[in-house]
Amino acid sequence: QVQLVESGGGLVQPGGSLRLSCAASGISRSIFSISDMGWYRQAPGKQRELVASITSGGTTNYADSTKGRFTISRDNAKNMAYLQMNSLTPEDTAVYYCKWRRSGALDAWGQGTLVTVSS
């Protein structure tokens, strides 16, 4: 059973940066390495949306609103995924969720970490 735990959220001023981490447990490193990972966010009163994703092969995809500011990465040796967020704006305020995806298994979601961008 895959469990995901996000960390790194908090309060940051506009223009600032945060680095979110997602730790996957309950799976081997070999399984993690062939899984796809993604970051989603849900702002107050809005639908959950894809922020960024990275496949097992390293292919990345970004929402238009975050491309150029956010970077998704992974460390297969540590069962970790990361989201580096730069040039943050109040519109980035949301609960950020980590997602694990693997064929033949249910998607797994973390509980989320709150990012608040405010002065």
C-alpha atoms as a PDB file:
ATOM      1  CA  GLN A   1       0.000   0.000   0.000  1.00  0.00           C
ATOM      2  CA  VAL A   2       1.444   3.320  -1.103  1.00  0.00           C
ATOM      3  CA  GLN A   3       1.429   6.210   1.319  1.00  0.00           C
ATOM      4  CA  LEU A   4       2.427   9.743   0.401  1.00  0.00           C
ATOM      5  CA  VAL A   5       3.357  12.530   2.777  1.00  0.00           C
ATOM      6  CA  GLU A   6       3.843  16.093   1.580  1.00  0.00           C
ATOM      7  CA  SER A   7       5.889  18.679   3.395  1.00  0.00           C
ATOM      8  CA  GLY A   8       7.356  22.105   2.836  1.00  0.00           C
ATOM      9  CA  GLY A   9       4.253  24.236   2.658  1.00  0.00           C
ATOM     10  CA  GLY A  10       3.805  27.419   4.592  1.00  0.00           C
ATOM     11  CA  LEU A  11       3.449  31.161   4.352  1.00  0.00           C
ATOM     12  CA  VAL A  12       5.594  32.995   1.840  1.00  0.00           C
ATOM     13  CA  GLN A  13       5.603  36.523   0.467  1.00  0.00           C
ATOM     14  CA  PRO A  14       4.883  37.253  -3.188  1.00  0.00           C
ATOM     15  CA  GLY A  15       8.005  36.711  -5.225  1.00  0.00           C
ATOM     16  CA  GLY A  16       9.330  34.175  -2.782  1.00  0.00           C
ATOM     17  CA  SER A  17      10.125  30.513  -3.194  1.00  0.00           C
ATOM     18  CA  LEU A  18       9.190  27.227  -1.595  1.00  0.00           C
ATOM     19  CA  ARG A  19      10.279  23.661  -2.128  1.00  0.00           C
ATOM     20  CA  LEU A  20       7.669  20.984  -1.561  1.00  0.00           C
ATOM     21  CA  SER A  21       8.621  17.395  -0.873  1.00  0.00           C
ATOM     22  CA  CYS A  22       6.656  14.197  -1.282  1.00  0.00           C
ATOM     23  CA  ALA A  23       7.830  11.044   0.456  1.00  0.00           C
ATOM     24  CA  ALA A  24       6.471   7.729  -0.776  1.00  0.00           C
ATOM     25  CA  SER A  25       6.449   4.746   1.528  1.00  0.00           C
ATOM     26  CA  GLY A  26       5.100   1.228   1.379  1.00  0.00           C
ATOM     27  CA  ILE A  27       6.757   0.494  -1.952  1.00  0.00           C
ATOM     28  CA  SER A  28      10.207  -0.518  -3.021  1.00  0.00           C
ATOM     29  CA  ARG A  29      12.592   1.788  -4.810  1.00  0.00           C
ATOM     30  CA  SER A  30      12.224  -0.319  -7.929  1.00  0.00           C
ATOM     31  CA  ILE A  31       8.459   0.156  -7.960  1.00  0.00           C
ATOM     32  CA  PHE A  32       8.759   3.853  -7.266  1.00  0.00           C
ATOM     33  CA  SER A  33      11.190   4.240 -10.138  1.00  0.00           C
ATOM     34  CA  ILE A  34       8.660   2.938 -12.671  1.00  0.00           C
ATOM     35  CA  SER A  35       5.805   5.047 -11.332  1.00  0.00           C
ATOM     36  CA  ASP A  36       4.582   8.440 -12.471  1.00  0.00           C
ATOM     37  CA  MET A  37       4.376  11.294  -9.997  1.00  0.00           C
ATOM     38  CA  GLY A  38       2.411  14.498 -10.059  1.00  0.00           C
ATOM     39  CA  TRP A  39       1.630  17.611  -8.104  1.00  0.00           C
ATOM     40  CA  TYR A  40      -1.876  19.031  -7.994  1.00  0.00           C
ATOM     41  CA  ARG A  41      -3.374  21.946  -6.168  1.00  0.00           C
ATOM     42  CA  GLN A  42      -6.768  23.086  -5.045  1.00  0.00           C
ATOM     43  CA  ALA A  43      -7.398  26.727  -4.277  1.00  0.00           C
ATOM     44  CA  PRO A  44     -10.334  27.874  -2.165  1.00  0.00           C
ATOM     45  CA  GLY A  45     -13.546  27.611  -4.142  1.00  0.00           C
ATOM     46  CA  LYS A  46     -11.842  26.048  -7.160  1.00  0.00           C
ATOM     47  CA  GLN A  47     -11.413  22.603  -8.663  1.00  0.00           C
ATOM     48  CA  ARG A  48      -8.282  20.587  -8.149  1.00  0.00           C
ATOM     49  CA  GLU A  49      -5.887  21.096 -11.035  1.00  0.00           C
ATOM     50  CA  LEU A  50      -2.693  19.574 -12.305  1.00  0.00           C
ATOM     51  CA  VAL A  51       0.379  21.621 -11.516  1.00  0.00           C
ATOM     52  CA  ALA A  52       3.143  19.396 -12.824  1.00  0.00           C
ATOM     53  CA  SER A  53       3.867  15.767 -13.537  1.00  0.00           C
ATOM     54  CA  ILE A  54       6.885  13.626 -14.183  1.00  0.00           C
ATOM     55  CA  THR A  55       6.876  10.171 -15.705  1.00  0.00           C
ATOM     56  CA  SER A  56       9.087   7.258 -14.817  1.00  0.00           C
ATOM     57  CA  GLY A  57      11.133   8.181 -17.862  1.00  0.00           C
ATOM     58  CA  GLY A  58      11.625  11.742 -16.691  1.00  0.00           C
ATOM     59  CA  THR A  59       9.214  13.475 -19.045  1.00  0.00           C
ATOM     60  CA  THR A  60       7.695  16.535 -17.393  1.00  0.00           C
ATOM     61  CA  ASN A  61       4.508  18.455 -17.968  1.00  0.00           C
ATOM     62  CA  TYR A  62       3.412  21.768 -16.461  1.00  0.00           C
ATOM     63  CA  ALA A  63       0.303  23.832 -16.251  1.00  0.00           C
ATOM     64  CA  ASP A  64       0.575  26.984 -18.333  1.00  0.00           C
ATOM     65  CA  SER A  65       0.281  29.118 -15.225  1.00  0.00           C
ATOM     66  CA  THR A  66       3.318  27.521 -13.601  1.00  0.00           C
ATOM     67  CA  LYS A  67       5.581  26.704 -16.514  1.00  0.00           C
ATOM     68  CA  GLY A  68       8.843  28.595 -16.206  1.00  0.00           C
ATOM     69  CA  ARG A  69       8.376  29.153 -12.473  1.00  0.00           C
ATOM     70  CA  PHE A  70       7.904  25.647 -11.103  1.00  0.00           C
ATOM     71  CA  THR A  71      10.126  22.610 -11.500  1.00  0.00           C
ATOM     72  CA  ILE A  72       9.156  19.049 -10.697  1.00  0.00           C
ATOM     73  CA  SER A  73      11.849  16.493  -9.972  1.00  0.00           C
ATOM     74  CA  ARG A  74      12.316  13.115  -8.365  1.00  0.00           C
ATOM     75  CA  ASP A  75      14.931  11.087  -6.544  1.00  0.00           C
ATOM     76  CA  ASN A  76      14.281   7.415  -7.114  1.00  0.00           C
ATOM     77  CA  ALA A  77      16.936   6.369  -4.616  1.00  0.00           C
ATOM     78  CA  LYS A  78      14.934   8.072  -1.865  1.00  0.00           C
ATOM     79  CA  ASN A  79      11.357   7.527  -3.069  1.00  0.00           C
ATOM     80  CA  MET A  80      10.955  11.289  -3.188  1.00  0.00           C
ATOM     81  CA  ALA A  81       9.350  13.806  -5.495  1.00  0.00           C
ATOM     82  CA  TYR A  82       9.807  17.546  -5.290  1.00  0.00           C
ATOM     83  CA  LEU A  83       8.238  20.731  -6.524  1.00  0.00           C
ATOM     84  CA  GLN A  84      10.419  23.814  -6.579  1.00  0.00           C
ATOM     85  CA  MET A  85       8.237  26.909  -6.735  1.00  0.00           C
ATOM     86  CA  ASN A  86       9.727  30.290  -7.583  1.00  0.00           C
ATOM     87  CA  SER A  87       8.270  33.740  -8.179  1.00  0.00           C
ATOM     88  CA  LEU A  88       5.188  32.870  -6.211  1.00  0.00           C
ATOM     89  CA  THR A  89       2.061  34.983  -6.476  1.00  0.00           C
ATOM     90  CA  PRO A  90      -1.123  35.086  -4.402  1.00  0.00           C
ATOM     91  CA  GLU A  91      -2.806  33.075  -7.165  1.00  0.00           C
ATOM     92  CA  ASP A  92      -0.565  30.159  -6.226  1.00  0.00           C
ATOM     93  CA  THR A  93      -2.222  29.919  -2.821  1.00  0.00           C
ATOM     94  CA  ALA A  94      -3.706  26.444  -2.517  1.00  0.00           C
ATOM     95  CA  VAL A  95      -3.424  23.076  -0.887  1.00  0.00           C
ATOM     96  CA  TYR A  96      -0.853  21.136  -2.855  1.00  0.00           C
ATOM     97  CA  TYR A  97      -1.226  17.385  -3.258  1.00  0.00           C
ATOM     98  CA  CYS A  98       1.225  14.737  -4.360  1.00  0.00           C
ATOM     99  CA  LYS A  99      -0.053  11.881  -6.528  1.00  0.00           C
ATOM    100  CA  TRP A 100       1.406   8.481  -7.338  1.00  0.00           C
ATOM    101  CA  ARG A 101       0.258   6.635 -10.426  1.00  0.00           C
ATOM    102  CA  ARG A 102       1.046   3.132 -11.550  1.00  0.00           C
ATOM    103  CA  SER A 103      -0.670   0.854 -14.046  1.00  0.00           C
ATOM    104  CA  GLY A 104      -2.585  -1.903 -12.314  1.00  0.00           C
ATOM    105  CA  ALA A 105      -2.953  -0.005  -9.060  1.00  0.00           C
ATOM    106  CA  LEU A 106      -5.184   2.683  -7.651  1.00  0.00           C
ATOM    107  CA  ASP A 107      -3.847   6.200  -7.681  1.00  0.00           C
ATOM    108  CA  ALA A 108      -2.494   7.302  -4.332  1.00  0.00           C
ATOM    109  CA  TRP A 109      -2.806  10.800  -2.924  1.00  0.00           C
ATOM    110  CA  GLY A 110      -1.160  12.558  -0.051  1.00  0.00           C
ATOM    111  CA  GLN A 111      -3.106  14.612   2.453  1.00  0.00           C
ATOM    112  CA  GLY A 112      -1.811  17.874   1.071  1.00  0.00           C
ATOM    113  CA  THR A 113       0.275  20.759   2.305  1.00  0.00           C
ATOM    114  CA  LEU A 114      -0.984  24.319   2.418  1.00  0.00           C
ATOM    115  CA  VAL A 115       0.870  27.027   0.545  1.00  0.00           C
ATOM    116  CA  THR A 116      -0.164  30.588   1.308  1.00  0.00           C
ATOM    117  CA  VAL A 117       1.315  33.440  -0.694  1.00  0.00           C
ATOM    118  CA  SER A 118       0.545  36.723   0.967  1.00  0.00           C
ATOM    119  CA  SER A 119       2.184  39.918   2.119  1.00  0.00           C
END
